[in-house]
Amino acid sequence: MADIIVGVILIVVVGSACYYIWKEKKKGRKCIGCPSSGSCPKCGSKKA
C-alpha cells in the first residue's frame, strides 16, 4: 500500500513539473528558471 502512495505522489510531482514547463513554453519563455532573470543571451532579452 505504501508503494502505491509513493508512486502516486511521484506521478503528481512529475506531472506538475511537466505542466509548469509546458505552460511557460506556451507563453514563449525560452529560459524557464533562468538565474539571470531573463538577461542572458539565450533568453533573447536585451537587458544587461
Protein backbone atom coordinates (compact mmCIF):
# COMPACT_ATOMS: atom_id res chain seq x y z
CA MET A 1 0.00 0.00 0.00
CA ALA A 2 2.85 2.39 0.83
CA ASP A 3 4.41 1.74 -2.59
CA ILE A 4 1.20 2.83 -4.30
CA ILE A 5 1.03 6.05 -2.29
CA VAL A 6 4.68 6.87 -3.05
CA GLY A 7 4.07 6.12 -6.75
CA VAL A 8 1.03 8.39 -6.90
CA ILE A 9 2.90 11.22 -5.16
CA LEU A 10 5.80 10.83 -7.59
CA ILE A 11 3.46 10.90 -10.59
CA VAL A 12 1.75 14.04 -9.26
CA VAL A 13 5.07 15.84 -8.71
CA VAL A 14 6.47 14.94 -12.14
CA GLY A 15 3.15 15.76 -13.81
CA SER A 16 3.00 19.15 -12.12
CA ALA A 17 6.55 19.96 -13.23
CA CYS A 18 5.76 18.96 -16.82
CA TYR A 19 2.59 21.07 -16.79
CA TYR A 20 4.53 24.11 -15.49
CA ILE A 21 7.18 23.75 -18.19
CA TRP A 22 4.52 23.31 -20.89
CA LYS A 23 2.63 26.39 -19.64
CA GLU A 24 5.77 28.56 -19.60
CA LYS A 25 6.87 27.39 -23.06
CA LYS A 26 3.39 28.20 -24.38
CA LYS A 27 3.85 31.76 -23.07
CA GLY A 28 7.04 31.97 -25.16
CA ARG A 29 9.63 31.89 -22.42
CA LYS A 30 12.87 30.27 -23.50
CA CYS A 31 14.77 30.10 -20.21
CA ILE A 32 12.47 28.78 -17.51
CA GLY A 33 14.02 29.45 -14.13
CA CYS A 34 16.93 31.41 -15.56
CA PRO A 35 19.14 32.73 -12.74
CA SER A 36 19.96 35.81 -14.84
CA SER A 37 16.32 36.92 -14.69
CA GLY A 38 15.95 36.88 -18.45
CA SER A 39 19.07 38.92 -19.22
CA CYS A 40 21.14 36.09 -20.69
CA PRO A 41 21.68 35.81 -24.47
CA LYS A 42 19.80 32.51 -24.62
CA CYS A 43 16.64 34.17 -23.29
CA GLY A 44 16.66 36.63 -26.14
CA SER A 45 16.32 39.59 -23.81
CA LYS A 46 18.30 42.72 -24.45
CA LYS A 47 18.57 43.64 -20.75
CA ALA A 48 22.12 43.80 -19.48
